[in-house]
Amino acid sequence: MTNAIGVIGAGAWGTALAQLLASDGRDVVLWARQAGLAGAINDTRANPAYLPGVALHRSIRASADPRDLAGLAVVLLVTPAQALGAVLAQMPAFTGDLVLCSKGIEAGTGRLMADVARAAMPGASLAVLSGPTFAHEVAAGLPTAVTLACAGGDAQWQRLAPAIARATFRPYFSHDLIGAEVGGAVKNVLAVASGVVEGLALGQNARAALISRGFAEMVRFGLAFGAEAETLTGLSGLGDLVLTCNSLSSRNFALGKALGEGARAPDLLADRRTVAEGAFTAPVLADLARARGIAMPIAEAVAALVSGLVPARAIVDALLARPLRSEQDATIKGEPRFG
């Protein structure tokens, strides 16, 4: 199976990517943390717990043995962001192309996923795949475009693009890993805020304002950490933000909507089978922004909301009470704090 592609993570997005990659008959090794899940996928050709209603291609072989990924040239890493380091610690040393598909910032360390992967797999060639993608649409073969940021530049792109691109899945090249990662991480937090707007029935005007001001926060944060503006205005930034801030298919949006309707954050996070990454990214994002003096009042608000200490209505009132200023003002002086 030297031509096979590996996918680490058998959740909704990992299974959808495996289905996509197998659509042209390519062998795909799909690693699942639980042996029972791997066995069920192989026996039933389905993963109803995470991707219901999809008949999986025969060329997908699920496994719970990390040794089955040894010798593969390309592996996609599709685990929850907060579990990425622990999962990589279970894997054998890897020196091929490792494509990061998780969106988040590691709690406790403030590291982006590429930094986590670089420390765990120093011999791997890293890339980041990010963009406006709902798993069920990709699995169904609906048209999708993404950013594929390659640390190895054009040479790595020439290897990876043919391996990942399919008739309905179009990657666009970038060399900006930081920008691709920042866009994916920050949009999750902003999608929670957009869901709150929906849950409180604040209207379309409020959602448009939230997305616009949230995008300004994304750009300020990204530029401060070395991202390029062109990346943040592209598929992995603005494109992903628009998608996830407008649909209940987004786990982060759905979480925010429930919070806006009065549900308690601890209850929602405890009950969810699938992870709303924005809830875990918001506190570390707010901390990083505060340390750099970057104005991110919406991210601060989401961090306070998911802490369960401040109700959604109080947070919205605090945002609306902020001092009037220029639309381009990026200072943090005089900002109210939440929590």
C-alpha atoms as a PDB file:
ATOM      1  CA  MET A   1       0.000   0.000   0.000  1.00  0.00           C
ATOM      2  CA  THR A   2       2.852   2.387  -0.732  1.00  0.00           C
ATOM      3  CA  ASN A   3       0.486   4.589  -2.726  1.00  0.00           C
ATOM      4  CA  ALA A   4      -2.024   4.752   0.118  1.00  0.00           C
ATOM      5  CA  ILE A   5      -2.817   7.936   2.005  1.00  0.00           C
ATOM      6  CA  GLY A   6      -3.221   7.933   5.771  1.00  0.00           C
ATOM      7  CA  VAL A   7      -5.867   9.819   7.732  1.00  0.00           C
ATOM      8  CA  ILE A   8      -5.448  10.083  11.506  1.00  0.00           C
ATOM      9  CA  GLY A   9      -8.814  10.614  13.163  1.00  0.00           C
ATOM     10  CA  ALA A  10     -12.119   8.898  12.388  1.00  0.00           C
ATOM     11  CA  GLY A  11     -14.473  11.685  13.441  1.00  0.00           C
ATOM     12  CA  ALA A  12     -16.743  13.461  10.979  1.00  0.00           C
ATOM     13  CA  TRP A  13     -14.030  15.463   9.212  1.00  0.00           C
ATOM     14  CA  GLY A  14     -11.458  12.665   9.152  1.00  0.00           C
ATOM     15  CA  THR A  15     -13.997  10.184   7.762  1.00  0.00           C
ATOM     16  CA  ALA A  16     -15.163  12.721   5.170  1.00  0.00           C
ATOM     17  CA  LEU A  17     -11.591  13.301   4.008  1.00  0.00           C
ATOM     18  CA  ALA A  18     -10.991   9.558   3.818  1.00  0.00           C
ATOM     19  CA  GLN A  19     -14.132   9.233   1.688  1.00  0.00           C
ATOM     20  CA  LEU A  20     -12.955  12.059  -0.566  1.00  0.00           C
ATOM     21  CA  LEU A  21      -9.471  10.618  -1.023  1.00  0.00           C
ATOM     22  CA  ALA A  22     -10.873   7.161  -1.780  1.00  0.00           C
ATOM     23  CA  SER A  23     -13.288   8.516  -4.395  1.00  0.00           C
ATOM     24  CA  ASP A  24     -10.846   7.797  -7.226  1.00  0.00           C
ATOM     25  CA  GLY A  25      -9.994   4.323  -5.924  1.00  0.00           C
ATOM     26  CA  ARG A  26      -6.950   5.368  -3.900  1.00  0.00           C
ATOM     27  CA  ASP A  27      -6.244   3.163  -0.866  1.00  0.00           C
ATOM     28  CA  VAL A  28      -6.795   5.058   2.375  1.00  0.00           C
ATOM     29  CA  VAL A  29      -5.782   3.972   5.890  1.00  0.00           C
ATOM     30  CA  LEU A  30      -8.136   5.599   8.394  1.00  0.00           C
ATOM     31  CA  TRP A  31      -6.766   5.506  11.944  1.00  0.00           C
ATOM     32  CA  ALA A  32      -9.305   5.448  14.777  1.00  0.00           C
ATOM     33  CA  ARG A  33      -8.402   5.772  18.430  1.00  0.00           C
ATOM     34  CA  GLN A  34     -10.903   3.023  19.357  1.00  0.00           C
ATOM     35  CA  ALA A  35     -10.452  -0.484  17.980  1.00  0.00           C
ATOM     36  CA  GLY A  36     -14.211  -1.022  18.132  1.00  0.00           C
ATOM     37  CA  LEU A  37     -14.863   1.921  15.839  1.00  0.00           C
ATOM     38  CA  ALA A  38     -12.221   0.761  13.363  1.00  0.00           C
ATOM     39  CA  GLY A  39     -13.739  -2.709  13.287  1.00  0.00           C
ATOM     40  CA  ALA A  40     -17.249  -1.358  12.815  1.00  0.00           C
ATOM     41  CA  ILE A  41     -16.168   0.827   9.901  1.00  0.00           C
ATOM     42  CA  ASN A  42     -14.536  -2.149   8.176  1.00  0.00           C
ATOM     43  CA  ASP A  43     -17.507  -4.433   8.815  1.00  0.00           C
ATOM     44  CA  THR A  44     -20.342  -2.059   7.903  1.00  0.00           C
ATOM     45  CA  ARG A  45     -18.693   0.387   5.493  1.00  0.00           C
ATOM     46  CA  ALA A  46     -20.207   3.198   7.575  1.00  0.00           C
ATOM     47  CA  ASN A  47     -19.471   5.512  10.484  1.00  0.00           C
ATOM     48  CA  PRO A  48     -22.960   6.442  11.700  1.00  0.00           C
ATOM     49  CA  ALA A  49     -21.763   7.913  14.984  1.00  0.00           C
ATOM     50  CA  TYR A  50     -19.824  10.675  13.212  1.00  0.00           C
ATOM     51  CA  LEU A  51     -20.860  10.732   9.543  1.00  0.00           C
ATOM     52  CA  PRO A  52     -24.338   9.205   9.260  1.00  0.00           C
ATOM     53  CA  GLY A  53     -25.894   8.289   5.957  1.00  0.00           C
ATOM     54  CA  VAL A  54     -22.622   7.849   4.047  1.00  0.00           C
ATOM     55  CA  ALA A  55     -21.671   4.516   2.485  1.00  0.00           C
ATOM     56  CA  LEU A  56     -17.885   4.416   2.708  1.00  0.00           C
ATOM     57  CA  HIS A  57     -15.725   3.376  -0.218  1.00  0.00           C
ATOM     58  CA  ARG A  58     -14.252  -0.135  -0.178  1.00  0.00           C
ATOM     59  CA  SER A  59     -10.730   1.223  -0.532  1.00  0.00           C
ATOM     60  CA  ILE A  60     -10.922   2.738   2.976  1.00  0.00           C
ATOM     61  CA  ARG A  61      -9.397   0.467   5.597  1.00  0.00           C
ATOM     62  CA  ALA A  62      -9.819   1.524   9.211  1.00  0.00           C
ATOM     63  CA  SER A  63      -7.241   0.586  11.824  1.00  0.00           C
ATOM     64  CA  ALA A  64      -6.491   1.275  15.472  1.00  0.00           C
ATOM     65  CA  ASP A  65      -2.839   0.255  15.059  1.00  0.00           C
ATOM     66  CA  PRO A  66      -0.559   3.257  14.441  1.00  0.00           C
ATOM     67  CA  ARG A  67       1.997   0.951  12.833  1.00  0.00           C
ATOM     68  CA  ASP A  68      -0.320   0.687   9.819  1.00  0.00           C
ATOM     69  CA  LEU A  69       0.621   4.273   8.974  1.00  0.00           C
ATOM     70  CA  ALA A  70       4.330   3.464   8.770  1.00  0.00           C
ATOM     71  CA  GLY A  71       5.820   3.825   5.326  1.00  0.00           C
ATOM     72  CA  LEU A  72       3.088   6.095   3.931  1.00  0.00           C
ATOM     73  CA  ALA A  73       4.234   9.185   2.074  1.00  0.00           C
ATOM     74  CA  VAL A  74       1.236  11.378   2.938  1.00  0.00           C
ATOM     75  CA  VAL A  75      -0.758  11.446   6.175  1.00  0.00           C
ATOM     76  CA  LEU A  76      -3.580  13.835   7.040  1.00  0.00           C
ATOM     77  CA  LEU A  77      -3.871  14.632  10.750  1.00  0.00           C
ATOM     78  CA  VAL A  78      -7.530  15.205  11.614  1.00  0.00           C
ATOM     79  CA  THR A  79      -7.895  15.045  15.396  1.00  0.00           C
ATOM     80  CA  PRO A  80      -9.431  17.560  17.816  1.00  0.00           C
ATOM     81  CA  ALA A  81      -6.910  20.348  18.292  1.00  0.00           C
ATOM     82  CA  GLN A  82      -6.491  19.780  22.006  1.00  0.00           C
ATOM     83  CA  ALA A  83      -5.741  16.070  21.440  1.00  0.00           C
ATOM     84  CA  LEU A  84      -3.258  16.535  18.607  1.00  0.00           C
ATOM     85  CA  GLY A  85      -0.119  16.349  20.725  1.00  0.00           C
ATOM     86  CA  ALA A  86      -1.287  13.270  22.610  1.00  0.00           C
ATOM     87  CA  VAL A  87      -2.230  11.478  19.393  1.00  0.00           C
ATOM     88  CA  LEU A  88       1.111  12.238  17.754  1.00  0.00           C
ATOM     89  CA  ALA A  89       2.860  10.813  20.801  1.00  0.00           C
ATOM     90  CA  GLN A  90       1.293   7.429  19.961  1.00  0.00           C
ATOM     91  CA  MET A  91       2.462   7.472  16.357  1.00  0.00           C
ATOM     92  CA  PRO A  92       5.705   6.070  14.977  1.00  0.00           C
ATOM     93  CA  ALA A  93       8.291   8.534  13.706  1.00  0.00           C
ATOM     94  CA  PHE A  94       7.161   9.987  10.387  1.00  0.00           C
ATOM     95  CA  THR A  95       9.255  11.662   7.684  1.00  0.00           C
ATOM     96  CA  GLY A  96       6.706  12.154   4.909  1.00  0.00           C
ATOM     97  CA  ASP A  97       4.187  14.927   4.254  1.00  0.00           C
ATOM     98  CA  LEU A  98       2.071  15.545   7.369  1.00  0.00           C
ATOM     99  CA  VAL A  99      -1.003  17.622   6.504  1.00  0.00           C
ATOM    100  CA  LEU A 100      -2.616  19.331   9.499  1.00  0.00           C
ATOM    101  CA  CYS A 101      -6.403  19.564   9.254  1.00  0.00           C
ATOM    102  CA  SER A 102      -7.215  20.497  12.864  1.00  0.00           C
ATOM    103  CA  LYS A 103      -8.229  24.074  13.681  1.00  0.00           C
ATOM    104  CA  GLY A 104      -7.331  25.482  17.064  1.00  0.00           C
ATOM    105  CA  ILE A 105      -4.687  26.721  19.495  1.00  0.00           C
ATOM    106  CA  GLU A 106      -3.312  24.415  22.157  1.00  0.00           C
ATOM    107  CA  ALA A 107      -4.570  25.332  25.625  1.00  0.00           C
ATOM    108  CA  GLY A 108      -1.853  25.788  28.207  1.00  0.00           C
ATOM    109  CA  THR A 109       0.923  26.436  25.699  1.00  0.00           C
ATOM    110  CA  GLY A 110      -0.637  28.816  23.165  1.00  0.00           C
ATOM    111  CA  ARG A 111       0.944  26.825  20.329  1.00  0.00           C
ATOM    112  CA  LEU A 112      -0.521  26.574  16.864  1.00  0.00           C
ATOM    113  CA  MET A 113      -0.966  23.061  15.507  1.00  0.00           C
ATOM    114  CA  ALA A 114       2.142  23.297  13.317  1.00  0.00           C
ATOM    115  CA  ASP A 115       4.255  24.072  16.381  1.00  0.00           C
ATOM    116  CA  VAL A 116       2.779  21.077  18.219  1.00  0.00           C
ATOM    117  CA  ALA A 117       3.410  18.793  15.232  1.00  0.00           C
ATOM    118  CA  ARG A 118       6.909  20.133  14.621  1.00  0.00           C
ATOM    119  CA  ALA A 119       7.924  19.306  18.179  1.00  0.00           C
ATOM    120  CA  ALA A 120       6.438  15.800  18.015  1.00  0.00           C
ATOM    121  CA  MET A 121       7.482  14.911  14.444  1.00  0.00           C
ATOM    122  CA  PRO A 122      10.613  16.917  13.627  1.00  0.00           C
ATOM    123  CA  GLY A 123      11.330  14.852  10.527  1.00  0.00           C
ATOM    124  CA  ALA A 124       7.962  15.470   8.863  1.00  0.00           C
ATOM    125  CA  SER A 125       7.288  17.977   6.085  1.00  0.00           C
ATOM    126  CA  LEU A 126       4.360  20.030   7.370  1.00  0.00           C
ATOM    127  CA  ALA A 127       1.404  21.457   5.501  1.00  0.00           C
ATOM    128  CA  VAL A 128      -1.930  22.936   6.604  1.00  0.00           C
ATOM    129  CA  LEU A 129      -5.250  22.230   4.906  1.00  0.00           C
ATOM    130  CA  SER A 130      -7.954  24.711   5.895  1.00  0.00           C
ATOM    131  CA  GLY A 131     -10.972  26.433   4.425  1.00  0.00           C
ATOM    132  CA  PRO A 132     -14.783  26.547   4.290  1.00  0.00           C
ATOM    133  CA  THR A 133     -15.628  22.865   4.645  1.00  0.00           C
ATOM    134  CA  PHE A 134     -18.583  21.040   6.133  1.00  0.00           C
ATOM    135  CA  ALA A 135     -17.776  17.340   6.425  1.00  0.00           C
ATOM    136  CA  HIS A 136     -21.102  16.049   5.089  1.00  0.00           C
ATOM    137  CA  GLU A 137     -20.789  18.155   1.918  1.00  0.00           C
ATOM    138  CA  VAL A 138     -17.230  17.018   1.214  1.00  0.00           C
ATOM    139  CA  ALA A 139     -18.249  13.383   1.759  1.00  0.00           C
ATOM    140  CA  ALA A 140     -21.159  13.870  -0.665  1.00  0.00           C
ATOM    141  CA  GLY A 141     -18.798  15.154  -3.362  1.00  0.00           C
ATOM    142  CA  LEU A 142     -20.155  18.709  -3.407  1.00  0.00           C
ATOM    143  CA  PRO A 143     -17.808  21.395  -4.785  1.00  0.00           C
ATOM    144  CA  THR A 144     -15.298  22.641  -2.221  1.00  0.00           C
ATOM    145  CA  ALA A 145     -12.209  24.863  -2.322  1.00  0.00           C
ATOM    146  CA  VAL A 146      -9.536  25.045   0.374  1.00  0.00           C
ATOM    147  CA  THR A 147      -6.153  26.533   1.175  1.00  0.00           C
ATOM    148  CA  LEU A 148      -3.222  24.121   1.185  1.00  0.00           C
ATOM    149  CA  ALA A 149      -0.324  25.899   2.873  1.00  0.00           C
ATOM    150  CA  CYS A 150       3.009  24.129   2.370  1.00  0.00           C
ATOM    151  CA  ALA A 151       6.043  24.751   4.553  1.00  0.00           C
ATOM    152  CA  GLY A 152       8.124  23.120   1.824  1.00  0.00           C
ATOM    153  CA  GLY A 153       6.990  25.619  -0.782  1.00  0.00           C
ATOM    154  CA  ASP A 154       6.409  24.777  -4.412  1.00  0.00           C
ATOM    155  CA  ALA A 155       8.172  21.405  -4.292  1.00  0.00           C
ATOM    156  CA  GLN A 156       5.873  20.154  -1.553  1.00  0.00           C
ATOM    157  CA  TRP A 157       2.839  21.602  -3.312  1.00  0.00           C
ATOM    158  CA  GLN A 158       3.760  19.669  -6.457  1.00  0.00           C
ATOM    159  CA  ARG A 159       3.742  16.457  -4.389  1.00  0.00           C
ATOM    160  CA  LEU A 160       0.634  17.114  -2.354  1.00  0.00           C
ATOM    161  CA  ALA A 161      -1.773  18.802  -4.735  1.00  0.00           C
ATOM    162  CA  PRO A 162      -2.226  15.763  -7.014  1.00  0.00           C
ATOM    163  CA  ALA A 163      -2.591  13.498  -3.979  1.00  0.00           C
ATOM    164  CA  ILE A 164      -5.321  15.611  -2.372  1.00  0.00           C
ATOM    165  CA  ALA A 165      -7.180  17.324  -5.224  1.00  0.00           C
ATOM    166  CA  ARG A 166     -10.263  15.618  -6.640  1.00  0.00           C
ATOM    167  CA  ALA A 167     -12.815  16.645  -9.257  1.00  0.00           C
ATOM    168  CA  THR A 168     -14.938  18.468  -6.673  1.00  0.00           C
ATOM    169  CA  PHE A 169     -12.192  19.334  -4.165  1.00  0.00           C
ATOM    170  CA  ARG A 170      -9.881  22.141  -5.254  1.00  0.00           C
ATOM    171  CA  PRO A 171      -6.866  23.180  -3.151  1.00  0.00           C
ATOM    172  CA  TYR A 172      -5.182  26.564  -3.637  1.00  0.00           C
ATOM    173  CA  PHE A 173      -1.481  26.957  -2.864  1.00  0.00           C
ATOM    174  CA  SER A 174      -0.089  29.095  -0.058  1.00  0.00           C
ATOM    175  CA  HIS A 175       3.234  29.179   1.756  1.00  0.00           C
ATOM    176  CA  ASP A 176       1.667  30.921   4.785  1.00  0.00           C
ATOM    177  CA  LEU A 177       1.094  28.249   7.440  1.00  0.00           C
ATOM    178  CA  ILE A 178       0.541  30.814  10.184  1.00  0.00           C
ATOM    179  CA  GLY A 179      -2.193  32.598   8.242  1.00  0.00           C
ATOM    180  CA  ALA A 180      -3.980  29.369   7.369  1.00  0.00           C
ATOM    181  CA  GLU A 181      -3.867  28.256  11.007  1.00  0.00           C
ATOM    182  CA  VAL A 182      -4.910  31.583  12.510  1.00  0.00           C
ATOM    183  CA  GLY A 183      -7.901  31.846  10.185  1.00  0.00           C
ATOM    184  CA  GLY A 184      -9.150  28.386  11.093  1.00  0.00           C
ATOM    185  CA  ALA A 185      -8.667  28.868  14.831  1.00  0.00           C
ATOM    186  CA  VAL A 186     -10.140  32.351  15.167  1.00  0.00           C
ATOM    187  CA  LYS A 187     -13.177  31.689  12.979  1.00  0.00           C
ATOM    188  CA  ASN A 188     -14.265  28.920  15.371  1.00  0.00           C
ATOM    189  CA  VAL A 189     -14.428  31.436  18.211  1.00  0.00           C
ATOM    190  CA  LEU A 190     -16.286  33.975  16.076  1.00  0.00           C
ATOM    191  CA  ALA A 191     -18.769  31.312  14.969  1.00  0.00           C
ATOM    192  CA  VAL A 192     -19.725  30.788  18.622  1.00  0.00           C
ATOM    193  CA  ALA A 193     -20.414  34.526  18.878  1.00  0.00           C
ATOM    194  CA  SER A 194     -22.474  34.451  15.689  1.00  0.00           C
ATOM    195  CA  GLY A 195     -24.538  31.608  17.109  1.00  0.00           C
ATOM    196  CA  VAL A 196     -25.210  33.720  20.197  1.00  0.00           C
ATOM    197  CA  VAL A 197     -26.603  36.442  17.932  1.00  0.00           C
ATOM    198  CA  GLU A 198     -28.962  33.849  16.455  1.00  0.00           C
ATOM    199  CA  GLY A 199     -29.930  32.431  19.837  1.00  0.00           C
ATOM    200  CA  LEU A 200     -30.783  35.881  21.190  1.00  0.00           C
ATOM    201  CA  ALA A 201     -32.731  36.745  18.000  1.00  0.00           C
ATOM    202  CA  LEU A 202     -30.710  39.933  17.499  1.00  0.00           C
ATOM    203  CA  GLY A 203     -31.285  39.992  13.744  1.00  0.00           C
ATOM    204  CA  GLN A 204     -29.338  39.966  10.497  1.00  0.00           C
ATOM    205  CA  ASN A 205     -27.889  43.455  10.994  1.00  0.00           C
ATOM    206  CA  ALA A 206     -26.233  42.300  14.204  1.00  0.00           C
ATOM    207  CA  ARG A 207     -24.840  39.173  12.573  1.00  0.00           C
ATOM    208  CA  ALA A 208     -23.346  41.170   9.685  1.00  0.00           C
ATOM    209  CA  ALA A 209     -21.747  43.559  12.165  1.00  0.00           C
ATOM    210  CA  LEU A 210     -20.421  40.652  14.236  1.00  0.00           C
ATOM    211  CA  ILE A 211     -18.838  38.964  11.221  1.00  0.00           C
ATOM    212  CA  SER A 212     -17.269  42.217  10.010  1.00  0.00           C
ATOM    213  CA  ARG A 213     -15.878  43.239  13.381  1.00  0.00           C
ATOM    214  CA  GLY A 214     -14.830  39.668  14.074  1.00  0.00           C
ATOM    215  CA  PHE A 215     -12.893  39.566  10.830  1.00  0.00           C
ATOM    216  CA  ALA A 216     -11.090  42.734  11.909  1.00  0.00           C
ATOM    217  CA  GLU A 217     -10.057  40.891  15.083  1.00  0.00           C
ATOM    218  CA  MET A 218      -8.831  37.929  13.034  1.00  0.00           C
ATOM    219  CA  VAL A 219      -6.698  40.200  10.850  1.00  0.00           C
ATOM    220  CA  ARG A 220      -5.220  42.098  13.796  1.00  0.00           C
ATOM    221  CA  PHE A 221      -4.307  38.896  15.565  1.00  0.00           C
ATOM    222  CA  GLY A 222      -2.938  37.206  12.465  1.00  0.00           C
ATOM    223  CA  LEU A 223      -0.741  40.106  11.413  1.00  0.00           C
ATOM    224  CA  ALA A 224       0.667  40.382  14.926  1.00  0.00           C
ATOM    225  CA  PHE A 225       1.750  36.731  14.779  1.00  0.00           C
ATOM    226  CA  GLY A 226       3.266  36.889  11.286  1.00  0.00           C
ATOM    227  CA  ALA A 227       0.359  35.903   9.030  1.00  0.00           C
ATOM    228  CA  GLU A 228      -0.109  37.516   5.642  1.00  0.00           C
ATOM    229  CA  ALA A 229      -3.191  39.641   4.986  1.00  0.00           C
ATOM    230  CA  GLU A 230      -3.840  37.859   1.670  1.00  0.00           C
ATOM    231  CA  THR A 231      -4.186  34.544   3.475  1.00  0.00           C
ATOM    232  CA  LEU A 232      -6.633  35.957   6.006  1.00  0.00           C
ATOM    233  CA  THR A 233      -8.822  37.408   3.241  1.00  0.00           C
ATOM    234  CA  GLY A 234      -8.813  34.068   1.423  1.00  0.00           C
ATOM    235  CA  LEU A 235     -10.477  30.692   1.826  1.00  0.00           C
ATOM    236  CA  SER A 236      -8.889  29.740   5.155  1.00  0.00           C
ATOM    237  CA  GLY A 237      -9.789  33.085   6.744  1.00  0.00           C
ATOM    238  CA  LEU A 238     -12.727  35.078   5.460  1.00  0.00           C
ATOM    239  CA  GLY A 239     -14.128  32.159   3.465  1.00  0.00           C
ATOM    240  CA  ASP A 240     -14.249  29.832   6.456  1.00  0.00           C
ATOM    241  CA  LEU A 241     -15.598  32.623   8.664  1.00  0.00           C
ATOM    242  CA  VAL A 242     -18.545  33.308   6.352  1.00  0.00           C
ATOM    243  CA  LEU A 243     -19.471  29.624   6.197  1.00  0.00           C
ATOM    244  CA  THR A 244     -19.336  28.825   9.892  1.00  0.00           C
ATOM    245  CA  CYS A 245     -21.023  32.020  11.069  1.00  0.00           C
ATOM    246  CA  ASN A 246     -24.190  31.297   9.105  1.00  0.00           C
ATOM    247  CA  SER A 247     -25.185  27.659   9.570  1.00  0.00           C
ATOM    248  CA  LEU A 248     -26.278  25.229  12.241  1.00  0.00           C
ATOM    249  CA  SER A 249     -24.099  22.686  10.425  1.00  0.00           C
ATOM    250  CA  SER A 250     -21.253  24.425  12.253  1.00  0.00           C
ATOM    251  CA  ARG A 251     -20.772  22.875  15.696  1.00  0.00           C
ATOM    252  CA  ASN A 252     -19.447  26.202  16.965  1.00  0.00           C
ATOM    253  CA  PHE A 253     -22.444  28.148  15.662  1.00  0.00           C
ATOM    254  CA  ALA A 254     -24.824  25.569  17.140  1.00  0.00           C
ATOM    255  CA  LEU A 255     -23.063  25.844  20.500  1.00  0.00           C
ATOM    256  CA  GLY A 256     -23.374  29.634  20.461  1.00  0.00           C
ATOM    257  CA  LYS A 257     -27.043  29.480  19.513  1.00  0.00           C
ATOM    258  CA  ALA A 258     -27.789  27.191  22.460  1.00  0.00           C
ATOM    259  CA  LEU A 259     -25.873  29.518  24.791  1.00  0.00           C
ATOM    260  CA  GLY A 260     -27.833  32.476  23.465  1.00  0.00           C
ATOM    261  CA  GLU A 261     -31.051  30.599  24.176  1.00  0.00           C
ATOM    262  CA  GLY A 262     -30.037  30.207  27.799  1.00  0.00           C
ATOM    263  CA  ALA A 263     -28.311  26.821  28.003  1.00  0.00           C
ATOM    264  CA  ARG A 264     -25.355  26.465  30.374  1.00  0.00           C
ATOM    265  CA  ALA A 265     -21.906  26.128  28.828  1.00  0.00           C
ATOM    266  CA  PRO A 266     -20.702  23.284  31.099  1.00  0.00           C
ATOM    267  CA  ASP A 267     -23.785  21.202  30.257  1.00  0.00           C
ATOM    268  CA  LEU A 268     -23.414  21.714  26.509  1.00  0.00           C
ATOM    269  CA  LEU A 269     -19.714  20.945  26.438  1.00  0.00           C
ATOM    270  CA  ALA A 270     -20.119  17.823  28.587  1.00  0.00           C
ATOM    271  CA  ASP A 271     -22.851  16.359  26.399  1.00  0.00           C
ATOM    272  CA  ARG A 272     -21.340  16.889  22.965  1.00  0.00           C
ATOM    273  CA  ARG A 273     -20.027  13.855  21.084  1.00  0.00           C
ATOM    274  CA  THR A 274     -18.283  16.089  18.579  1.00  0.00           C
ATOM    275  CA  VAL A 275     -16.015  18.937  19.647  1.00  0.00           C
ATOM    276  CA  ALA A 276     -16.837  22.624  19.239  1.00  0.00           C
ATOM    277  CA  GLU A 277     -13.222  23.779  19.004  1.00  0.00           C
ATOM    278  CA  GLY A 278     -14.093  27.443  19.531  1.00  0.00           C
ATOM    279  CA  ALA A 279     -15.024  26.807  23.153  1.00  0.00           C
ATOM    280  CA  PHE A 280     -11.504  25.582  23.916  1.00  0.00           C
ATOM    281  CA  THR A 281      -9.692  28.066  21.696  1.00  0.00           C
ATOM    282  CA  ALA A 282     -11.454  31.189  23.015  1.00  0.00           C
ATOM    283  CA  PRO A 283      -9.689  31.416  26.422  1.00  0.00           C
ATOM    284  CA  VAL A 284      -6.200  30.863  25.036  1.00  0.00           C
ATOM    285  CA  LEU A 285      -6.895  33.205  22.093  1.00  0.00           C
ATOM    286  CA  ALA A 286      -8.028  35.942  24.473  1.00  0.00           C
ATOM    287  CA  ASP A 287      -4.959  35.427  26.656  1.00  0.00           C
ATOM    288  CA  LEU A 288      -2.571  35.619  23.710  1.00  0.00           C
ATOM    289  CA  ALA A 289      -4.268  38.752  22.377  1.00  0.00           C
ATOM    290  CA  ARG A 290      -4.190  40.432  25.784  1.00  0.00           C
ATOM    291  CA  ALA A 291      -0.481  39.662  26.180  1.00  0.00           C
ATOM    292  CA  ARG A 292       0.245  41.330  22.835  1.00  0.00           C
ATOM    293  CA  GLY A 293      -2.100  44.283  23.395  1.00  0.00           C
ATOM    294  CA  ILE A 294      -4.359  43.222  20.513  1.00  0.00           C
ATOM    295  CA  ALA A 295      -7.955  44.436  20.750  1.00  0.00           C
ATOM    296  CA  MET A 296     -10.226  41.377  20.496  1.00  0.00           C
ATOM    297  CA  PRO A 297     -13.400  42.215  22.432  1.00  0.00           C
ATOM    298  CA  ILE A 298     -15.478  39.541  20.687  1.00  0.00           C
ATOM    299  CA  ALA A 299     -12.945  36.826  21.483  1.00  0.00           C
ATOM    300  CA  GLU A 300     -12.848  38.096  25.078  1.00  0.00           C
ATOM    301  CA  ALA A 301     -16.637  37.905  25.206  1.00  0.00           C
ATOM    302  CA  VAL A 302     -16.729  34.312  23.956  1.00  0.00           C
ATOM    303  CA  ALA A 303     -14.068  33.306  26.472  1.00  0.00           C
ATOM    304  CA  ALA A 304     -16.205  34.754  29.263  1.00  0.00           C
ATOM    305  CA  LEU A 305     -19.328  33.091  27.900  1.00  0.00           C
ATOM    306  CA  VAL A 306     -17.882  29.570  27.680  1.00  0.00           C
ATOM    307  CA  SER A 307     -16.527  29.927  31.195  1.00  0.00           C
ATOM    308  CA  GLY A 308     -20.169  29.820  32.292  1.00  0.00           C
ATOM    309  CA  LEU A 309     -19.699  32.825  34.570  1.00  0.00           C
ATOM    310  CA  VAL A 310     -21.400  35.492  32.445  1.00  0.00           C
ATOM    311  CA  PRO A 311     -24.773  35.135  30.666  1.00  0.00           C
ATOM    312  CA  ALA A 312     -25.047  35.841  26.952  1.00  0.00           C
ATOM    313  CA  ARG A 313     -27.293  38.903  27.314  1.00  0.00           C
ATOM    314  CA  ALA A 314     -24.887  40.572  29.749  1.00  0.00           C
ATOM    315  CA  ILE A 315     -22.012  40.014  27.342  1.00  0.00           C
ATOM    316  CA  VAL A 316     -23.911  41.528  24.421  1.00  0.00           C
ATOM    317  CA  ASP A 317     -24.845  44.540  26.557  1.00  0.00           C
ATOM    318  CA  ALA A 318     -21.185  45.020  27.487  1.00  0.00           C
ATOM    319  CA  LEU A 319     -20.104  44.883  23.848  1.00  0.00           C
ATOM    320  CA  LEU A 320     -22.727  47.452  22.876  1.00  0.00           C
ATOM    321  CA  ALA A 321     -21.602  49.728  25.708  1.00  0.00           C
ATOM    322  CA  ARG A 322     -18.002  49.912  24.499  1.00  0.00           C
ATOM    323  CA  PRO A 323     -16.705  53.433  23.763  1.00  0.00           C
ATOM    324  CA  LEU A 324     -17.373  54.811  20.285  1.00  0.00           C
ATOM    325  CA  ARG A 325     -14.286  54.898  18.097  1.00  0.00           C
ATOM    326  CA  SER A 326     -12.874  54.772  14.583  1.00  0.00           C
ATOM    327  CA  GLU A 327     -13.550  51.562  12.680  1.00  0.00           C
ATOM    328  CA  GLN A 328      -9.784  51.182  12.179  1.00  0.00           C
ATOM    329  CA  ASP A 329      -8.855  51.748  15.857  1.00  0.00           C
ATOM    330  CA  ALA A 330      -6.950  48.669  17.052  1.00  0.00           C
ATOM    331  CA  THR A 331      -5.981  49.836  20.539  1.00  0.00           C
ATOM    332  CA  ILE A 332      -7.028  47.970  23.653  1.00  0.00           C
ATOM    333  CA  LYS A 333      -7.055  50.915  26.083  1.00  0.00           C
ATOM    334  CA  GLY A 334     -10.324  51.451  27.856  1.00  0.00           C
ATOM    335  CA  GLU A 335     -11.828  48.119  26.804  1.00  0.00           C
ATOM    336  CA  PRO A 336     -14.256  46.593  29.301  1.00  0.00           C
ATOM    337  CA  ARG A 337     -13.242  43.187  30.630  1.00  0.00           C
ATOM    338  CA  PHE A 338     -15.540  40.196  30.922  1.00  0.00           C
ATOM    339  CA  GLY A 339     -15.772  37.766  33.801  1.00  0.00           C
END
